[in-house]
Amino acid sequence: ILNVASKRDPAKLTTKVDLIRLQVTDGDEAVLTEAMEAISSCDDVQSVSNSKSNLRHADLTDINVDELGTEGKDLVLAADVGQPTEIFAAGSGLAVMYVCRREDGAEALPSRDDLKSRLKDQELSMISERELRDMRREATIIYR
């Protein structure tokens, strides 16, 4: 009789990010690209946004990337930390998001217990395969 160690489904991996959205309200892409060239880090977004009347910024902190939808998630995951996403349509204008912080889920690395359980399962599997092989070799077929 084998005692099976308690097992649980692994937690879903989540990635949380801090974003700053920079939006141009009149839809002028030239103004937005000019502002993007002037911004070198997330700290510069607010000052550049305040310098022009048709630019607005919004801080989005501790956002789960799954909450952004498929297109938003793809945009954010494609951008490096401190870099902007591609320009996209947002509401009545165009916008870009700066990824200021990215925190991948801590569940990405297996725990000591998970590794121990996995090794135990592999060992049990090898033992059972060996026993089945030996039983097949010793089996006798009787014809009547």
C-alpha atoms as a PDB file:
ATOM      1  CA  ILE A   1       0.000   0.000   0.000  1.00  0.00           C
ATOM      2  CA  LEU A   2       1.324   3.386  -0.991  1.00  0.00           C
ATOM      3  CA  ASN A   3       0.595   6.593   0.821  1.00  0.00           C
ATOM      4  CA  VAL A   4       0.170   9.378  -1.659  1.00  0.00           C
ATOM      5  CA  ALA A   5       1.500  12.727  -0.514  1.00  0.00           C
ATOM      6  CA  SER A   6      -1.042  15.527  -0.569  1.00  0.00           C
ATOM      7  CA  LYS A   7      -0.974  17.321  -3.871  1.00  0.00           C
ATOM      8  CA  ARG A   8      -2.524  20.554  -4.998  1.00  0.00           C
ATOM      9  CA  ASP A   9      -2.903  22.256  -8.308  1.00  0.00           C
ATOM     10  CA  PRO A  10      -0.230  24.879  -8.856  1.00  0.00           C
ATOM     11  CA  ALA A  11      -1.370  28.462  -8.459  1.00  0.00           C
ATOM     12  CA  LYS A  12      -1.891  30.365 -11.675  1.00  0.00           C
ATOM     13  CA  LEU A  13       1.106  32.494 -12.471  1.00  0.00           C
ATOM     14  CA  THR A  14       0.411  36.200 -12.467  1.00  0.00           C
ATOM     15  CA  THR A  15       2.478  39.121 -13.639  1.00  0.00           C
ATOM     16  CA  LYS A  16       1.827  42.481 -12.006  1.00  0.00           C
ATOM     17  CA  VAL A  17       2.993  45.729 -13.534  1.00  0.00           C
ATOM     18  CA  ASP A  18       3.068  49.436 -12.785  1.00  0.00           C
ATOM     19  CA  LEU A  19       2.157  51.454 -15.861  1.00  0.00           C
ATOM     20  CA  ILE A  20       1.909  55.103 -16.831  1.00  0.00           C
ATOM     21  CA  ARG A  21      -0.452  55.807 -19.706  1.00  0.00           C
ATOM     22  CA  LEU A  22       0.326  58.863 -21.816  1.00  0.00           C
ATOM     23  CA  GLN A  23      -2.577  59.928 -24.008  1.00  0.00           C
ATOM     24  CA  VAL A  24      -2.934  62.638 -26.622  1.00  0.00           C
ATOM     25  CA  THR A  25      -6.533  63.863 -26.551  1.00  0.00           C
ATOM     26  CA  ASP A  26      -6.784  65.296 -30.068  1.00  0.00           C
ATOM     27  CA  GLY A  27      -5.428  62.183 -31.833  1.00  0.00           C
ATOM     28  CA  ASP A  28      -2.284  63.912 -33.174  1.00  0.00           C
ATOM     29  CA  GLU A  29       0.295  61.128 -33.537  1.00  0.00           C
ATOM     30  CA  ALA A  30       3.133  63.596 -34.212  1.00  0.00           C
ATOM     31  CA  VAL A  31       2.669  65.206 -30.781  1.00  0.00           C
ATOM     32  CA  LEU A  32       2.711  61.791 -29.110  1.00  0.00           C
ATOM     33  CA  THR A  33       5.865  60.606 -30.898  1.00  0.00           C
ATOM     34  CA  GLU A  34       7.578  63.917 -30.077  1.00  0.00           C
ATOM     35  CA  ALA A  35       6.677  63.438 -26.405  1.00  0.00           C
ATOM     36  CA  MET A  36       7.932  59.839 -26.503  1.00  0.00           C
ATOM     37  CA  GLU A  37      11.300  61.025 -27.823  1.00  0.00           C
ATOM     38  CA  ALA A  38      11.585  63.495 -24.927  1.00  0.00           C
ATOM     39  CA  ILE A  39      10.850  60.813 -22.309  1.00  0.00           C
ATOM     40  CA  SER A  40      13.784  58.681 -21.183  1.00  0.00           C
ATOM     41  CA  SER A  41      12.258  57.072 -18.073  1.00  0.00           C
ATOM     42  CA  CYS A  42       8.976  56.774 -16.199  1.00  0.00           C
ATOM     43  CA  ASP A  43       9.896  59.788 -14.066  1.00  0.00           C
ATOM     44  CA  ASP A  44       9.857  62.071 -17.128  1.00  0.00           C
ATOM     45  CA  VAL A  45       6.290  61.219 -18.205  1.00  0.00           C
ATOM     46  CA  GLN A  46       4.559  63.599 -15.783  1.00  0.00           C
ATOM     47  CA  SER A  47       6.743  66.614 -16.626  1.00  0.00           C
ATOM     48  CA  VAL A  48       6.379  66.074 -20.388  1.00  0.00           C
ATOM     49  CA  SER A  49       2.627  65.563 -19.974  1.00  0.00           C
ATOM     50  CA  ASN A  50       2.279  68.817 -18.025  1.00  0.00           C
ATOM     51  CA  SER A  51       4.236  70.759 -20.660  1.00  0.00           C
ATOM     52  CA  LYS A  52       1.561  70.291 -23.361  1.00  0.00           C
ATOM     53  CA  SER A  53      -2.141  70.971 -23.027  1.00  0.00           C
ATOM     54  CA  ASN A  54      -3.321  68.051 -25.180  1.00  0.00           C
ATOM     55  CA  LEU A  55      -1.311  65.382 -23.295  1.00  0.00           C
ATOM     56  CA  ARG A  56      -2.653  63.584 -20.239  1.00  0.00           C
ATOM     57  CA  HIS A  57      -1.069  60.902 -18.095  1.00  0.00           C
ATOM     58  CA  ALA A  58      -2.489  58.365 -15.665  1.00  0.00           C
ATOM     59  CA  ASP A  59      -0.650  56.173 -13.158  1.00  0.00           C
ATOM     60  CA  LEU A  60      -1.832  52.566 -13.119  1.00  0.00           C
ATOM     61  CA  THR A  61      -0.218  50.717 -10.223  1.00  0.00           C
ATOM     62  CA  ASP A  62      -0.179  47.035  -9.322  1.00  0.00           C
ATOM     63  CA  ILE A  63      -2.147  45.928 -12.391  1.00  0.00           C
ATOM     64  CA  ASN A  64      -2.514  42.233 -13.216  1.00  0.00           C
ATOM     65  CA  VAL A  65      -1.662  41.867 -16.921  1.00  0.00           C
ATOM     66  CA  ASP A  66      -4.561  39.427 -17.386  1.00  0.00           C
ATOM     67  CA  GLU A  67      -6.946  42.315 -16.584  1.00  0.00           C
ATOM     68  CA  LEU A  68      -5.706  44.262 -19.616  1.00  0.00           C
ATOM     69  CA  GLY A  69      -7.270  41.967 -22.208  1.00  0.00           C
ATOM     70  CA  THR A  70      -5.385  40.073 -24.876  1.00  0.00           C
ATOM     71  CA  GLU A  71      -4.221  43.081 -26.904  1.00  0.00           C
ATOM     72  CA  GLY A  72      -3.172  45.088 -23.848  1.00  0.00           C
ATOM     73  CA  LYS A  73      -1.419  42.089 -22.341  1.00  0.00           C
ATOM     74  CA  ASP A  74       0.543  41.490 -25.551  1.00  0.00           C
ATOM     75  CA  LEU A  75       1.555  45.171 -25.736  1.00  0.00           C
ATOM     76  CA  VAL A  76       2.736  45.306 -22.117  1.00  0.00           C
ATOM     77  CA  LEU A  77       4.607  41.991 -22.158  1.00  0.00           C
ATOM     78  CA  ALA A  78       6.412  42.965 -25.374  1.00  0.00           C
ATOM     79  CA  ALA A  79       7.811  46.157 -23.802  1.00  0.00           C
ATOM     80  CA  ASP A  80      10.829  46.155 -21.499  1.00  0.00           C
ATOM     81  CA  VAL A  81      10.790  47.879 -18.106  1.00  0.00           C
ATOM     82  CA  GLY A  82      11.213  51.631 -18.572  1.00  0.00           C
ATOM     83  CA  GLN A  83      10.232  51.457 -22.237  1.00  0.00           C
ATOM     84  CA  PRO A  84       6.978  52.438 -23.970  1.00  0.00           C
ATOM     85  CA  THR A  85       4.556  50.111 -25.693  1.00  0.00           C
ATOM     86  CA  GLU A  86       3.503  50.638 -29.274  1.00  0.00           C
ATOM     87  CA  ILE A  87       1.033  53.463 -29.943  1.00  0.00           C
ATOM     88  CA  PHE A  88      -2.582  52.321 -29.742  1.00  0.00           C
ATOM     89  CA  ALA A  89      -6.051  53.855 -30.055  1.00  0.00           C
ATOM     90  CA  ALA A  90      -7.622  54.720 -26.711  1.00  0.00           C
ATOM     91  CA  GLY A  91     -10.996  56.380 -26.339  1.00  0.00           C
ATOM     92  CA  SER A  92     -11.012  59.607 -28.320  1.00  0.00           C
ATOM     93  CA  GLY A  93      -7.285  59.716 -29.023  1.00  0.00           C
ATOM     94  CA  LEU A  94      -4.022  57.830 -29.174  1.00  0.00           C
ATOM     95  CA  ALA A  95      -2.045  56.521 -26.224  1.00  0.00           C
ATOM     96  CA  VAL A  96       1.101  54.735 -25.179  1.00  0.00           C
ATOM     97  CA  MET A  97       1.916  52.968 -21.908  1.00  0.00           C
ATOM     98  CA  TYR A  98       5.259  53.000 -20.116  1.00  0.00           C
ATOM     99  CA  VAL A  99       6.115  49.861 -18.146  1.00  0.00           C
ATOM    100  CA  CYS A 100       7.682  51.129 -14.916  1.00  0.00           C
ATOM    101  CA  ARG A 101       7.823  47.877 -12.934  1.00  0.00           C
ATOM    102  CA  ARG A 102       7.199  44.229 -13.751  1.00  0.00           C
ATOM    103  CA  GLU A 103       6.854  41.556 -11.091  1.00  0.00           C
ATOM    104  CA  ASP A 104       6.548  37.997 -12.302  1.00  0.00           C
ATOM    105  CA  GLY A 105       4.724  35.574 -10.035  1.00  0.00           C
ATOM    106  CA  ALA A 106       6.710  34.020  -7.215  1.00  0.00           C
ATOM    107  CA  GLU A 107       5.129  30.695  -8.125  1.00  0.00           C
ATOM    108  CA  ALA A 108       7.351  30.541 -11.190  1.00  0.00           C
ATOM    109  CA  LEU A 109       9.943  28.528  -9.233  1.00  0.00           C
ATOM    110  CA  PRO A 110       8.826  25.228  -7.705  1.00  0.00           C
ATOM    111  CA  SER A 111       9.068  24.895  -3.950  1.00  0.00           C
ATOM    112  CA  ARG A 112      11.203  22.333  -2.167  1.00  0.00           C
ATOM    113  CA  ASP A 113       8.125  20.191  -1.457  1.00  0.00           C
ATOM    114  CA  ASP A 114       7.076  20.284  -5.120  1.00  0.00           C
ATOM    115  CA  LEU A 115      10.515  19.115  -6.216  1.00  0.00           C
ATOM    116  CA  LYS A 116      10.517  16.388  -3.568  1.00  0.00           C
ATOM    117  CA  SER A 117       7.078  15.217  -4.678  1.00  0.00           C
ATOM    118  CA  ARG A 118       8.093  15.234  -8.335  1.00  0.00           C
ATOM    119  CA  LEU A 119      11.202  13.131  -7.622  1.00  0.00           C
ATOM    120  CA  LYS A 120       9.136  10.702  -5.540  1.00  0.00           C
ATOM    121  CA  ASP A 121       6.651  10.342  -8.409  1.00  0.00           C
ATOM    122  CA  GLN A 122       9.464   9.653 -10.884  1.00  0.00           C
ATOM    123  CA  GLU A 123      10.967   7.023  -8.600  1.00  0.00           C
ATOM    124  CA  LEU A 124       7.587   5.345  -8.102  1.00  0.00           C
ATOM    125  CA  SER A 125       7.002   5.339 -11.849  1.00  0.00           C
ATOM    126  CA  MET A 126      10.364   3.688 -12.521  1.00  0.00           C
ATOM    127  CA  ILE A 127       9.709   1.013  -9.868  1.00  0.00           C
ATOM    128  CA  SER A 128       6.280   0.204 -11.294  1.00  0.00           C
ATOM    129  CA  GLU A 129       7.636  -0.009 -14.860  1.00  0.00           C
ATOM    130  CA  ARG A 130      10.395  -2.352 -13.677  1.00  0.00           C
ATOM    131  CA  GLU A 131       7.898  -4.584 -11.843  1.00  0.00           C
ATOM    132  CA  LEU A 132       5.608  -4.771 -14.881  1.00  0.00           C
ATOM    133  CA  ARG A 133       8.542  -5.655 -17.122  1.00  0.00           C
ATOM    134  CA  ASP A 134       9.647  -8.436 -14.762  1.00  0.00           C
ATOM    135  CA  MET A 135       6.095  -9.791 -14.544  1.00  0.00           C
ATOM    136  CA  ARG A 136       5.838  -9.919 -18.352  1.00  0.00           C
ATOM    137  CA  ARG A 137       9.117 -11.826 -18.571  1.00  0.00           C
ATOM    138  CA  GLU A 138       7.988 -14.393 -16.014  1.00  0.00           C
ATOM    139  CA  ALA A 139       4.496 -14.822 -17.436  1.00  0.00           C
ATOM    140  CA  THR A 140       3.551 -18.208 -18.852  1.00  0.00           C
ATOM    141  CA  ILE A 141       1.054 -18.527 -21.652  1.00  0.00           C
ATOM    142  CA  ILE A 142      -1.061 -21.685 -21.507  1.00  0.00           C
ATOM    143  CA  TYR A 143      -2.778 -22.875 -24.706  1.00  0.00           C
ATOM    144  CA  ARG A 144      -5.725 -25.348 -24.455  1.00  0.00           C
END
